[in-house]
Amino acid sequence: MNANTRILLDKLQRLPPERQAEVEDFVDFLEKRDAQTRSEAAQRLGEAFKRLDALDEPAMSSEEIQAEIDAVRAERRARADRR
């Protein structure tokens, strides 16, 4: 257990029970929101894959992928140098 967790637990234990319940509700809310965000992101990713499949393009080779990566990096460096 790290120091931040210990501090948070100490603070939580000093709260009255009704406030502890509020904190628990808030933690539940955060977990639900994070799960919903992940679910929405997974859904968007799935939709993107469907659109890619619909294009019926051949898969890129590892050399083509590396060339794309290199081009983006070069463009990023050029923008940074202009600043």
PDB file of N, CA and C in Angstrom:
ATOM      1  N   MET A   1       0.856  -1.169   0.000  1.00  0.00           N
ATOM      2  CA  MET A   1       0.000   0.000   0.000  1.00  0.00           C
ATOM      3  C   MET A   1       0.902   1.233   0.000  1.00  0.00           C
ATOM      4  N   ASN A   2       0.631   2.150  -0.937  1.00  0.00           N
ATOM      5  CA  ASN A   2       1.478   3.338  -1.006  1.00  0.00           C
ATOM      6  C   ASN A   2       1.008   4.410  -0.020  1.00  0.00           C
ATOM      7  N   ALA A   3       1.800   5.448   0.108  1.00  0.00           N
ATOM      8  CA  ALA A   3       1.526   6.504   1.091  1.00  0.00           C
ATOM      9  C   ALA A   3       0.209   7.220   0.798  1.00  0.00           C
ATOM     10  N   ASN A   4      -0.085   7.473  -0.472  1.00  0.00           N
ATOM     11  CA  ASN A   4      -1.339   8.157  -0.812  1.00  0.00           C
ATOM     12  C   ASN A   4      -2.556   7.337  -0.400  1.00  0.00           C
ATOM     13  N   THR A   5      -2.475   6.041  -0.590  1.00  0.00           N
ATOM     14  CA  THR A   5      -3.584   5.166  -0.200  1.00  0.00           C
ATOM     15  C   THR A   5      -3.769   5.189   1.307  1.00  0.00           C
ATOM     16  N   ARG A   6      -2.673   5.143   2.032  1.00  0.00           N
ATOM     17  CA  ARG A   6      -2.736   5.163   3.496  1.00  0.00           C
ATOM     18  C   ARG A   6      -3.364   6.482   3.982  1.00  0.00           C
ATOM     19  N   ILE A   7      -2.940   7.592   3.399  1.00  0.00           N
ATOM     20  CA  ILE A   7      -3.481   8.904   3.786  1.00  0.00           C
ATOM     21  C   ILE A   7      -4.979   8.955   3.508  1.00  0.00           C
ATOM     22  N   LEU A   8      -5.370   8.470   2.330  1.00  0.00           N
ATOM     23  CA  LEU A   8      -6.789   8.482   1.965  1.00  0.00           C
ATOM     24  C   LEU A   8      -7.605   7.602   2.913  1.00  0.00           C
ATOM     25  N   LEU A   9      -7.094   6.436   3.242  1.00  0.00           N
ATOM     26  CA  LEU A   9      -7.806   5.554   4.176  1.00  0.00           C
ATOM     27  C   LEU A   9      -7.933   6.182   5.559  1.00  0.00           C
ATOM     28  N   ASP A  10      -6.874   6.830   6.016  1.00  0.00           N
ATOM     29  CA  ASP A  10      -6.928   7.502   7.325  1.00  0.00           C
ATOM     30  C   ASP A  10      -8.001   8.589   7.333  1.00  0.00           C
ATOM     31  N   LYS A  11      -8.054   9.371   6.261  1.00  0.00           N
ATOM     32  CA  LYS A  11      -9.065  10.425   6.169  1.00  0.00           C
ATOM     33  C   LYS A  11     -10.468   9.827   6.120  1.00  0.00           C
ATOM     34  N   LEU A  12     -10.612   8.762   5.359  1.00  0.00           N
ATOM     35  CA  LEU A  12     -11.908   8.116   5.234  1.00  0.00           C
ATOM     36  C   LEU A  12     -12.396   7.573   6.575  1.00  0.00           C
ATOM     37  N   GLN A  13     -11.504   7.003   7.334  1.00  0.00           N
ATOM     38  CA  GLN A  13     -11.879   6.435   8.630  1.00  0.00           C
ATOM     39  C   GLN A  13     -12.301   7.506   9.631  1.00  0.00           C
ATOM     40  N   ARG A  14     -11.821   8.730   9.452  1.00  0.00           N
ATOM     41  CA  ARG A  14     -12.192   9.812  10.367  1.00  0.00           C
ATOM     42  C   ARG A  14     -13.571  10.403  10.047  1.00  0.00           C
ATOM     43  N   LEU A  15     -14.097  10.108   8.877  1.00  0.00           N
ATOM     44  CA  LEU A  15     -15.409  10.629   8.497  1.00  0.00           C
ATOM     45  C   LEU A  15     -16.522   9.875   9.222  1.00  0.00           C
ATOM     46  N   PRO A  16     -17.628  10.560   9.468  1.00  0.00           N
ATOM     47  CA  PRO A  16     -18.776   9.856  10.040  1.00  0.00           C
ATOM     48  C   PRO A  16     -19.348   8.875   9.009  1.00  0.00           C
ATOM     49  N   PRO A  17     -20.069   7.853   9.463  1.00  0.00           N
ATOM     50  CA  PRO A  17     -20.569   6.811   8.556  1.00  0.00           C
ATOM     51  C   PRO A  17     -21.360   7.338   7.357  1.00  0.00           C
ATOM     52  N   GLU A  18     -22.181   8.375   7.564  1.00  0.00           N
ATOM     53  CA  GLU A  18     -22.970   8.874   6.431  1.00  0.00           C
ATOM     54  C   GLU A  18     -22.076   9.505   5.358  1.00  0.00           C
ATOM     55  N   ARG A  19     -20.980  10.130   5.773  1.00  0.00           N
ATOM     56  CA  ARG A  19     -20.034  10.701   4.800  1.00  0.00           C
ATOM     57  C   ARG A  19     -19.256   9.574   4.112  1.00  0.00           C
ATOM     58  N   GLN A  20     -18.911   8.530   4.843  1.00  0.00           N
ATOM     59  CA  GLN A  20     -18.241   7.382   4.237  1.00  0.00           C
ATOM     60  C   GLN A  20     -19.124   6.786   3.142  1.00  0.00           C
ATOM     61  N   ALA A  21     -20.430   6.741   3.403  1.00  0.00           N
ATOM     62  CA  ALA A  21     -21.368   6.220   2.399  1.00  0.00           C
ATOM     63  C   ALA A  21     -21.364   7.110   1.159  1.00  0.00           C
ATOM     64  N   GLU A  22     -21.272   8.419   1.357  1.00  0.00           N
ATOM     65  CA  GLU A  22     -21.207   9.339   0.214  1.00  0.00           C
ATOM     66  C   GLU A  22     -19.943   9.100  -0.600  1.00  0.00           C
ATOM     67  N   VAL A  23     -18.840   8.888   0.101  1.00  0.00           N
ATOM     68  CA  VAL A  23     -17.577   8.622  -0.593  1.00  0.00           C
ATOM     69  C   VAL A  23     -17.697   7.317  -1.385  1.00  0.00           C
ATOM     70  N   GLU A  24     -18.302   6.311  -0.788  1.00  0.00           N
ATOM     71  CA  GLU A  24     -18.485   5.036  -1.487  1.00  0.00           C
ATOM     72  C   GLU A  24     -19.345   5.223  -2.735  1.00  0.00           C
ATOM     73  N   ASP A  25     -20.411   6.014  -2.612  1.00  0.00           N
ATOM     74  CA  ASP A  25     -21.258   6.297  -3.777  1.00  0.00           C
ATOM     75  C   ASP A  25     -20.465   6.998  -4.876  1.00  0.00           C
ATOM     76  N   PHE A  26     -19.616   7.926  -4.481  1.00  0.00           N
ATOM     77  CA  PHE A  26     -18.815   8.655  -5.459  1.00  0.00           C
ATOM     78  C   PHE A  26     -17.825   7.726  -6.163  1.00  0.00           C
ATOM     79  N   VAL A  27     -17.199   6.840  -5.391  1.00  0.00           N
ATOM     80  CA  VAL A  27     -16.269   5.874  -5.986  1.00  0.00           C
ATOM     81  C   VAL A  27     -17.017   4.971  -6.969  1.00  0.00           C
ATOM     82  N   ASP A  28     -18.217   4.532  -6.587  1.00  0.00           N
ATOM     83  CA  ASP A  28     -19.035   3.723  -7.499  1.00  0.00           C
ATOM     84  C   ASP A  28     -19.338   4.485  -8.782  1.00  0.00           C
ATOM     85  N   PHE A  29     -19.667   5.772  -8.632  1.00  0.00           N
ATOM     86  CA  PHE A  29     -19.933   6.618  -9.798  1.00  0.00           C
ATOM     87  C   PHE A  29     -18.707   6.690 -10.700  1.00  0.00           C
ATOM     88  N   LEU A  30     -17.522   6.902 -10.118  1.00  0.00           N
ATOM     89  CA  LEU A  30     -16.296   6.993 -10.916  1.00  0.00           C
ATOM     90  C   LEU A  30     -16.028   5.692 -11.659  1.00  0.00           C
ATOM     91  N   GLU A  31     -16.215   4.570 -10.969  1.00  0.00           N
ATOM     92  CA  GLU A  31     -15.992   3.274 -11.615  1.00  0.00           C
ATOM     93  C   GLU A  31     -16.959   3.076 -12.776  1.00  0.00           C
ATOM     94  N   LYS A  32     -18.220   3.432 -12.577  1.00  0.00           N
ATOM     95  CA  LYS A  32     -19.220   3.274 -13.623  1.00  0.00           C
ATOM     96  C   LYS A  32     -18.893   4.179 -14.816  1.00  0.00           C
ATOM     97  N   ARG A  33     -18.500   5.413 -14.531  1.00  0.00           N
ATOM     98  CA  ARG A  33     -18.160   6.345 -15.605  1.00  0.00           C
ATOM     99  C   ARG A  33     -16.962   5.846 -16.405  1.00  0.00           C
ATOM    100  N   ASP A  34     -15.937   5.340 -15.700  1.00  0.00           N
ATOM    101  CA  ASP A  34     -14.758   4.811 -16.388  1.00  0.00           C
ATOM    102  C   ASP A  34     -15.112   3.605 -17.241  1.00  0.00           C
ATOM    103  N   ALA A  35     -15.957   2.719 -16.711  1.00  0.00           N
ATOM    104  CA  ALA A  35     -16.370   1.537 -17.472  1.00  0.00           C
ATOM    105  C   ALA A  35     -17.157   1.956 -18.708  1.00  0.00           C
ATOM    106  N   GLN A  36     -18.012   2.948 -18.569  1.00  0.00           N
ATOM    107  CA  GLN A  36     -18.802   3.431 -19.701  1.00  0.00           C
ATOM    108  C   GLN A  36     -17.888   4.047 -20.751  1.00  0.00           C
ATOM    109  N   THR A  37     -16.893   4.800 -20.313  1.00  0.00           N
ATOM    110  CA  THR A  37     -15.938   5.416 -21.241  1.00  0.00           C
ATOM    111  C   THR A  37     -15.186   4.344 -22.015  1.00  0.00           C
ATOM    112  N   ARG A  38     -14.736   3.295 -21.308  1.00  0.00           N
ATOM    113  CA  ARG A  38     -14.025   2.200 -21.976  1.00  0.00           C
ATOM    114  C   ARG A  38     -14.946   1.484 -22.962  1.00  0.00           C
ATOM    115  N   SER A  39     -16.191   1.280 -22.565  1.00  0.00           N
ATOM    116  CA  SER A  39     -17.148   0.602 -23.433  1.00  0.00           C
ATOM    117  C   SER A  39     -17.399   1.419 -24.700  1.00  0.00           C
ATOM    118  N   GLU A  40     -17.566   2.723 -24.552  1.00  0.00           N
ATOM    119  CA  GLU A  40     -17.786   3.590 -25.707  1.00  0.00           C
ATOM    120  C   GLU A  40     -16.571   3.597 -26.625  1.00  0.00           C
ATOM    121  N   ALA A  41     -15.381   3.611 -26.038  1.00  0.00           N
ATOM    122  CA  ALA A  41     -14.156   3.591 -26.846  1.00  0.00           C
ATOM    123  C   ALA A  41     -14.042   2.266 -27.600  1.00  0.00           C
ATOM    124  N   ALA A  42     -14.380   1.164 -26.942  1.00  0.00           N
ATOM    125  CA  ALA A  42     -14.340  -0.144 -27.597  1.00  0.00           C
ATOM    126  C   ALA A  42     -15.344  -0.192 -28.743  1.00  0.00           C
ATOM    127  N   GLN A  43     -16.501   0.394 -28.544  1.00  0.00           N
ATOM    128  CA  GLN A  43     -17.522   0.419 -29.587  1.00  0.00           C
ATOM    129  C   GLN A  43     -17.032   1.236 -30.786  1.00  0.00           C
ATOM    130  N   ARG A  44     -16.423   2.395 -30.523  1.00  0.00           N
ATOM    131  CA  ARG A  44     -15.893   3.215 -31.624  1.00  0.00           C
ATOM    132  C   ARG A  44     -14.799   2.469 -32.380  1.00  0.00           C
ATOM    133  N   LEU A  45     -13.951   1.751 -31.639  1.00  0.00           N
ATOM    134  CA  LEU A  45     -12.889   0.987 -32.282  1.00  0.00           C
ATOM    135  C   LEU A  45     -13.478  -0.111 -33.159  1.00  0.00           C
ATOM    136  N   GLY A  46     -14.489  -0.801 -32.652  1.00  0.00           N
ATOM    137  CA  GLY A  46     -15.145  -1.833 -33.444  1.00  0.00           C
ATOM    138  C   GLY A  46     -15.757  -1.267 -34.716  1.00  0.00           C
ATOM    139  N   GLU A  47     -16.387  -0.103 -34.613  1.00  0.00           N
ATOM    140  CA  GLU A  47     -16.971   0.541 -35.789  1.00  0.00           C
ATOM    141  C   GLU A  47     -15.891   0.940 -36.794  1.00  0.00           C
ATOM    142  N   ALA A  48     -14.757   1.401 -36.286  1.00  0.00           N
ATOM    143  CA  ALA A  48     -13.656   1.773 -37.181  1.00  0.00           C
ATOM    144  C   ALA A  48     -13.138   0.540 -37.920  1.00  0.00           C
ATOM    145  N   PHE A  49     -13.029  -0.583 -37.219  1.00  0.00           N
ATOM    146  CA  PHE A  49     -12.587  -1.814 -37.880  1.00  0.00           C
ATOM    147  C   PHE A  49     -13.584  -2.257 -38.950  1.00  0.00           C
ATOM    148  N   LYS A  50     -14.875  -2.098 -38.673  1.00  0.00           N
ATOM    149  CA  LYS A  50     -15.882  -2.455 -39.679  1.00  0.00           C
ATOM    150  C   LYS A  50     -15.734  -1.585 -40.924  1.00  0.00           C
ATOM    151  N   ARG A  51     -15.493  -0.283 -40.719  1.00  0.00           N
ATOM    152  CA  ARG A  51     -15.313   0.604 -41.869  1.00  0.00           C
ATOM    153  C   ARG A  51     -14.059   0.233 -42.661  1.00  0.00           C
ATOM    154  N   LEU A  52     -12.996  -0.138 -41.943  1.00  0.00           N
ATOM    155  CA  LEU A  52     -11.778  -0.569 -42.639  1.00  0.00           C
ATOM    156  C   LEU A  52     -12.020  -1.844 -43.439  1.00  0.00           C
ATOM    157  N   ASP A  53     -12.721  -2.790 -42.830  1.00  0.00           N
ATOM    158  CA  ASP A  53     -13.032  -4.033 -43.537  1.00  0.00           C
ATOM    159  C   ASP A  53     -13.858  -3.757 -44.787  1.00  0.00           C
ATOM    160  N   ALA A  54     -14.778  -2.791 -44.695  1.00  0.00           N
ATOM    161  CA  ALA A  54     -15.639  -2.472 -45.826  1.00  0.00           C
ATOM    162  C   ALA A  54     -14.847  -1.903 -47.004  1.00  0.00           C
ATOM    163  N   LEU A  55     -13.694  -1.319 -46.732  1.00  0.00           N
ATOM    164  CA  LEU A  55     -12.867  -0.775 -47.814  1.00  0.00           C
ATOM    165  C   LEU A  55     -12.264  -1.886 -48.663  1.00  0.00           C
ATOM    166  N   ASP A  56     -12.146  -3.065 -48.078  1.00  0.00           N
ATOM    167  CA  ASP A  56     -11.623  -4.251 -48.765  1.00  0.00           C
ATOM    168  C   ASP A  56     -10.237  -4.004 -49.355  1.00  0.00           C
ATOM    169  N   GLU A  57      -9.424  -3.283 -48.624  1.00  0.00           N
ATOM    170  CA  GLU A  57      -8.049  -3.003 -49.039  1.00  0.00           C
ATOM    171  C   GLU A  57      -7.130  -4.113 -48.547  1.00  0.00           C
ATOM    172  N   PRO A  58      -6.080  -4.415 -49.279  1.00  0.00           N
ATOM    173  CA  PRO A  58      -5.125  -5.417 -48.791  1.00  0.00           C
ATOM    174  C   PRO A  58      -4.391  -4.886 -47.552  1.00  0.00           C
ATOM    175  N   ALA A  59      -4.003  -5.788 -46.693  1.00  0.00           N
ATOM    176  CA  ALA A  59      -3.278  -5.394 -45.476  1.00  0.00           C
ATOM    177  C   ALA A  59      -1.940  -4.770 -45.850  1.00  0.00           C
ATOM    178  N   MET A  60      -1.514  -3.812 -45.039  1.00  0.00           N
ATOM    179  CA  MET A  60      -0.221  -3.172 -45.277  1.00  0.00           C
ATOM    180  C   MET A  60       0.892  -4.095 -44.814  1.00  0.00           C
ATOM    181  N   SER A  61       2.006  -4.038 -45.514  1.00  0.00           N
ATOM    182  CA  SER A  61       3.173  -4.800 -45.087  1.00  0.00           C
ATOM    183  C   SER A  61       3.841  -4.076 -43.932  1.00  0.00           C
ATOM    184  N   SER A  62       4.695  -4.757 -43.229  1.00  0.00           N
ATOM    185  CA  SER A  62       5.399  -4.109 -42.117  1.00  0.00           C
ATOM    186  C   SER A  62       6.277  -2.962 -42.630  1.00  0.00           C
ATOM    187  N   GLU A  63       6.790  -3.093 -43.851  1.00  0.00           N
ATOM    188  CA  GLU A  63       7.604  -2.016 -44.430  1.00  0.00           C
ATOM    189  C   GLU A  63       6.738  -0.781 -44.710  1.00  0.00           C
ATOM    190  N   GLU A  64       5.529  -1.003 -45.210  1.00  0.00           N
ATOM    191  CA  GLU A  64       4.623   0.117 -45.472  1.00  0.00           C
ATOM    192  C   GLU A  64       4.209   0.809 -44.173  1.00  0.00           C
ATOM    193  N   ILE A  65       3.964   0.025 -43.161  1.00  0.00           N
ATOM    194  CA  ILE A  65       3.607   0.588 -41.862  1.00  0.00           C
ATOM    195  C   ILE A  65       4.751   1.435 -41.326  1.00  0.00           C
ATOM    196  N   GLN A  66       5.980   0.902 -41.426  1.00  0.00           N
ATOM    197  CA  GLN A  66       7.137   1.644 -40.931  1.00  0.00           C
ATOM    198  C   GLN A  66       7.331   2.926 -41.722  1.00  0.00           C
ATOM    199  N   ALA A  67       7.090   2.887 -43.031  1.00  0.00           N
ATOM    200  CA  ALA A  67       7.211   4.094 -43.851  1.00  0.00           C
ATOM    201  C   ALA A  67       6.198   5.146 -43.407  1.00  0.00           C
ATOM    202  N   GLU A  68       4.976   4.727 -43.092  1.00  0.00           N
ATOM    203  CA  GLU A  68       3.958   5.665 -42.599  1.00  0.00           C
ATOM    204  C   GLU A  68       4.398   6.286 -41.274  1.00  0.00           C
ATOM    205  N   ILE A  69       4.907   5.468 -40.381  1.00  0.00           N
ATOM    206  CA  ILE A  69       5.375   5.955 -39.083  1.00  0.00           C
ATOM    207  C   ILE A  69       6.506   6.960 -39.274  1.00  0.00           C
ATOM    208  N   ASP A  70       7.452   6.609 -40.136  1.00  0.00           N
ATOM    209  CA  ASP A  70       8.584   7.505 -40.387  1.00  0.00           C
ATOM    210  C   ASP A  70       8.128   8.838 -40.965  1.00  0.00           C
ATOM    211  N   ALA A  71       7.134   8.800 -41.856  1.00  0.00           N
ATOM    212  CA  ALA A  71       6.631  10.035 -42.467  1.00  0.00           C
ATOM    213  C   ALA A  71       5.970  10.923 -41.422  1.00  0.00           C
ATOM    214  N   VAL A  72       5.181  10.337 -40.546  1.00  0.00           N
ATOM    215  CA  VAL A  72       4.513  11.129 -39.505  1.00  0.00           C
ATOM    216  C   VAL A  72       5.541  11.730 -38.559  1.00  0.00           C
ATOM    217  N   ARG A  73       6.541  10.941 -38.194  1.00  0.00           N
ATOM    218  CA  ARG A  73       7.591  11.459 -37.306  1.00  0.00           C
ATOM    219  C   ARG A  73       8.352  12.605 -37.958  1.00  0.00           C
ATOM    220  N   ALA A  74       8.667  12.461 -39.241  1.00  0.00           N
ATOM    221  CA  ALA A  74       9.389  13.520 -39.951  1.00  0.00           C
ATOM    222  C   ALA A  74       8.550  14.792 -40.005  1.00  0.00           C
ATOM    223  N   GLU A  75       7.253  14.637 -40.270  1.00  0.00           N
ATOM    224  CA  GLU A  75       6.366  15.800 -40.300  1.00  0.00           C
ATOM    225  C   GLU A  75       6.302  16.471 -38.935  1.00  0.00           C
ATOM    226  N   ARG A  76       6.232  15.679 -37.882  1.00  0.00           N
ATOM    227  CA  ARG A  76       6.175  16.222 -36.517  1.00  0.00           C
ATOM    228  C   ARG A  76       7.465  16.981 -36.198  1.00  0.00           C
ATOM    229  N   ARG A  77       8.610  16.410 -36.595  1.00  0.00           N
ATOM    230  CA  ARG A  77       9.890  17.089 -36.353  1.00  0.00           C
ATOM    231  C   ARG A  77       9.977  18.402 -37.122  1.00  0.00           C
ATOM    232  N   ALA A  78       9.481  18.402 -38.365  1.00  0.00           N
ATOM    233  CA  ALA A  78       9.512  19.616 -39.182  1.00  0.00           C
ATOM    234  C   ALA A  78       8.658  20.712 -38.560  1.00  0.00           C
ATOM    235  N   ARG A  79       7.488  20.342 -38.044  1.00  0.00           N
ATOM    236  CA  ARG A  79       6.636  21.346 -37.361  1.00  0.00           C
ATOM    237  C   ARG A  79       7.328  21.882 -36.119  1.00  0.00           C
ATOM    238  N   ALA A  80       7.975  21.009 -35.372  1.00  0.00           N
ATOM    239  CA  ALA A  80       8.653  21.436 -34.148  1.00  0.00           C
ATOM    240  C   ALA A  80       9.819  22.372 -34.475  1.00  0.00           C
ATOM    241  N   ASP A  81      10.511  22.103 -35.580  1.00  0.00           N
ATOM    242  CA  ASP A  81      11.645  22.941 -35.963  1.00  0.00           C
ATOM    243  C   ASP A  81      11.211  24.333 -36.408  1.00  0.00           C
ATOM    244  N   ARG A  82       9.983  24.458 -36.946  1.00  0.00           N
ATOM    245  CA  ARG A  82       9.474  25.743 -37.406  1.00  0.00           C
ATOM    246  C   ARG A  82       9.066  26.652 -36.247  1.00  0.00           C
ATOM    247  N   ARG A  83       8.878  26.088 -35.096  1.00  0.00           N
ATOM    248  CA  ARG A  83       8.428  26.888 -33.947  1.00  0.00           C
ATOM    249  C   ARG A  83       9.515  27.696 -33.378  1.00  0.00           C
TER     250      ARG A  83
END
